[in-house]
Amino acid sequence: MLRLGLLLLIVPPLALMAGYMIEQAQVDACLDSGGAWHYAEAECVSSGEYPFVPFMMRHPLLVNGGMLLSVVGLFFCLIGLYKGRS
């Protein structure tokens, strides 16, 4: 139970950070090339201005689901530590 809890506690936030950083790298490359990033379409456009849309607004299920899995992992860790290695 403790190992599963630790996996659920650590892996979802790491996956969220990886997804966010990959997207930010794409945005940065687009802006460096002189383009404009269209957040809703997730693509680089040669001209125009598009409003910033936060990562959580674009991927609510991913963010909320990941955080929920982390909380479940925390509870699994607590249960695993409470029961010990019987």
C-alpha atoms as a PDB file:
ATOM      1  CA  MET A   1       0.000   0.000   0.000  1.00  0.00           C
ATOM      2  CA  LEU A   2       2.884   2.335   0.799  1.00  0.00           C
ATOM      3  CA  ARG A   3       4.579   1.816  -2.586  1.00  0.00           C
ATOM      4  CA  LEU A   4       1.355   2.448  -4.468  1.00  0.00           C
ATOM      5  CA  GLY A   5       0.753   5.551  -2.369  1.00  0.00           C
ATOM      6  CA  LEU A   6       4.209   6.898  -3.110  1.00  0.00           C
ATOM      7  CA  LEU A   7       3.726   6.266  -6.829  1.00  0.00           C
ATOM      8  CA  LEU A   8       0.383   8.054  -6.807  1.00  0.00           C
ATOM      9  CA  LEU A   9       1.825  10.879  -4.742  1.00  0.00           C
ATOM     10  CA  ILE A  10       4.845  11.519  -6.966  1.00  0.00           C
ATOM     11  CA  VAL A  11       4.049  10.501 -10.562  1.00  0.00           C
ATOM     12  CA  PRO A  12       0.977  12.709 -11.321  1.00  0.00           C
ATOM     13  CA  PRO A  13       2.653  16.014 -10.346  1.00  0.00           C
ATOM     14  CA  LEU A  14       5.750  15.044 -12.333  1.00  0.00           C
ATOM     15  CA  ALA A  15       3.574  14.283 -15.366  1.00  0.00           C
ATOM     16  CA  LEU A  16       1.788  17.623 -14.980  1.00  0.00           C
ATOM     17  CA  MET A  17       5.090  19.487 -14.736  1.00  0.00           C
ATOM     18  CA  ALA A  18       6.421  17.659 -17.793  1.00  0.00           C
ATOM     19  CA  GLY A  19       3.321  18.521 -19.833  1.00  0.00           C
ATOM     20  CA  TYR A  20       3.486  22.151 -18.756  1.00  0.00           C
ATOM     21  CA  MET A  21       7.204  22.467 -19.495  1.00  0.00           C
ATOM     22  CA  ILE A  22       6.877  20.850 -22.927  1.00  0.00           C
ATOM     23  CA  GLU A  23       4.100  23.279 -23.803  1.00  0.00           C
ATOM     24  CA  GLN A  24       6.097  26.240 -22.479  1.00  0.00           C
ATOM     25  CA  ALA A  25       9.065  25.192 -24.620  1.00  0.00           C
ATOM     26  CA  GLN A  26       6.791  25.220 -27.679  1.00  0.00           C
ATOM     27  CA  VAL A  27       5.448  28.661 -26.749  1.00  0.00           C
ATOM     28  CA  ASP A  28       8.969  30.004 -26.225  1.00  0.00           C
ATOM     29  CA  ALA A  29      10.176  28.635 -29.563  1.00  0.00           C
ATOM     30  CA  CYS A  30       7.167  30.192 -31.289  1.00  0.00           C
ATOM     31  CA  LEU A  31       7.734  33.604 -29.728  1.00  0.00           C
ATOM     32  CA  ASP A  32      11.473  33.462 -30.481  1.00  0.00           C
ATOM     33  CA  SER A  33      10.694  32.853 -34.154  1.00  0.00           C
ATOM     34  CA  GLY A  34       8.483  35.960 -34.223  1.00  0.00           C
ATOM     35  CA  GLY A  35       5.140  34.194 -34.185  1.00  0.00           C
ATOM     36  CA  ALA A  36       2.172  34.391 -31.854  1.00  0.00           C
ATOM     37  CA  TRP A  37       1.020  31.415 -29.800  1.00  0.00           C
ATOM     38  CA  HIS A  38      -2.663  30.559 -30.018  1.00  0.00           C
ATOM     39  CA  TYR A  39      -3.304  28.876 -26.664  1.00  0.00           C
ATOM     40  CA  ALA A  40      -6.750  27.489 -27.478  1.00  0.00           C
ATOM     41  CA  GLU A  41      -5.477  25.821 -30.666  1.00  0.00           C
ATOM     42  CA  ALA A  42      -2.000  25.025 -29.253  1.00  0.00           C
ATOM     43  CA  GLU A  43      -0.284  26.186 -32.425  1.00  0.00           C
ATOM     44  CA  CYS A  44       2.075  28.889 -33.575  1.00  0.00           C
ATOM     45  CA  VAL A  45       0.518  31.507 -35.849  1.00  0.00           C
ATOM     46  CA  SER A  46       2.564  33.928 -37.937  1.00  0.00           C
ATOM     47  CA  SER A  47       0.499  37.002 -37.070  1.00  0.00           C
ATOM     48  CA  GLY A  48      -2.114  38.193 -34.632  1.00  0.00           C
ATOM     49  CA  GLU A  49      -2.513  38.532 -30.896  1.00  0.00           C
ATOM     50  CA  TYR A  50      -4.206  35.922 -28.777  1.00  0.00           C
ATOM     51  CA  PRO A  51      -5.100  36.115 -25.091  1.00  0.00           C
ATOM     52  CA  PHE A  52      -3.228  34.020 -22.553  1.00  0.00           C
ATOM     53  CA  VAL A  53      -5.263  31.053 -21.336  1.00  0.00           C
ATOM     54  CA  PRO A  54      -3.864  29.310 -18.227  1.00  0.00           C
ATOM     55  CA  PHE A  55      -2.858  25.652 -18.391  1.00  0.00           C
ATOM     56  CA  MET A  56      -5.585  24.700 -15.914  1.00  0.00           C
ATOM     57  CA  MET A  57      -8.280  26.339 -18.032  1.00  0.00           C
ATOM     58  CA  ARG A  58      -7.129  24.403 -21.109  1.00  0.00           C
ATOM     59  CA  HIS A  59      -6.632  21.052 -19.357  1.00  0.00           C
ATOM     60  CA  PRO A  60      -8.964  20.978 -16.323  1.00  0.00           C
ATOM     61  CA  LEU A  61      -9.440  17.200 -16.269  1.00  0.00           C
ATOM     62  CA  LEU A  62      -5.699  16.573 -16.444  1.00  0.00           C
ATOM     63  CA  VAL A  63      -4.861  19.028 -13.656  1.00  0.00           C
ATOM     64  CA  ASN A  64      -7.736  18.159 -11.332  1.00  0.00           C
ATOM     65  CA  GLY A  65      -7.393  14.432 -11.972  1.00  0.00           C
ATOM     66  CA  GLY A  66      -3.663  14.559 -11.300  1.00  0.00           C
ATOM     67  CA  MET A  67      -4.139  16.418  -8.048  1.00  0.00           C
ATOM     68  CA  LEU A  68      -6.900  14.030  -6.994  1.00  0.00           C
ATOM     69  CA  LEU A  69      -4.604  11.065  -7.640  1.00  0.00           C
ATOM     70  CA  SER A  70      -1.924  12.743  -5.534  1.00  0.00           C
ATOM     71  CA  VAL A  71      -4.336  13.181  -2.636  1.00  0.00           C
ATOM     72  CA  VAL A  72      -5.387   9.527  -2.941  1.00  0.00           C
ATOM     73  CA  GLY A  73      -1.688   8.627  -2.916  1.00  0.00           C
ATOM     74  CA  LEU A  74      -1.211  10.677   0.242  1.00  0.00           C
ATOM     75  CA  PHE A  75      -3.994   8.766   1.978  1.00  0.00           C
ATOM     76  CA  PHE A  76      -2.556   5.447   0.775  1.00  0.00           C
ATOM     77  CA  CYS A  77       0.809   6.473   2.233  1.00  0.00           C
ATOM     78  CA  LEU A  78      -0.802   7.372   5.550  1.00  0.00           C
ATOM     79  CA  ILE A  79      -2.655   4.057   5.666  1.00  0.00           C
ATOM     80  CA  GLY A  80       0.501   2.168   4.694  1.00  0.00           C
ATOM     81  CA  LEU A  81       2.528   3.906   7.395  1.00  0.00           C
ATOM     82  CA  TYR A  82      -0.200   3.409   9.989  1.00  0.00           C
ATOM     83  CA  LYS A  83      -0.543  -0.317   9.339  1.00  0.00           C
ATOM     84  CA  GLY A  84       3.191  -0.901   9.038  1.00  0.00           C
ATOM     85  CA  ARG A  85       4.718  -4.025   7.551  1.00  0.00           C
ATOM     86  CA  SER A  86       2.579  -6.753   9.069  1.00  0.00           C
END
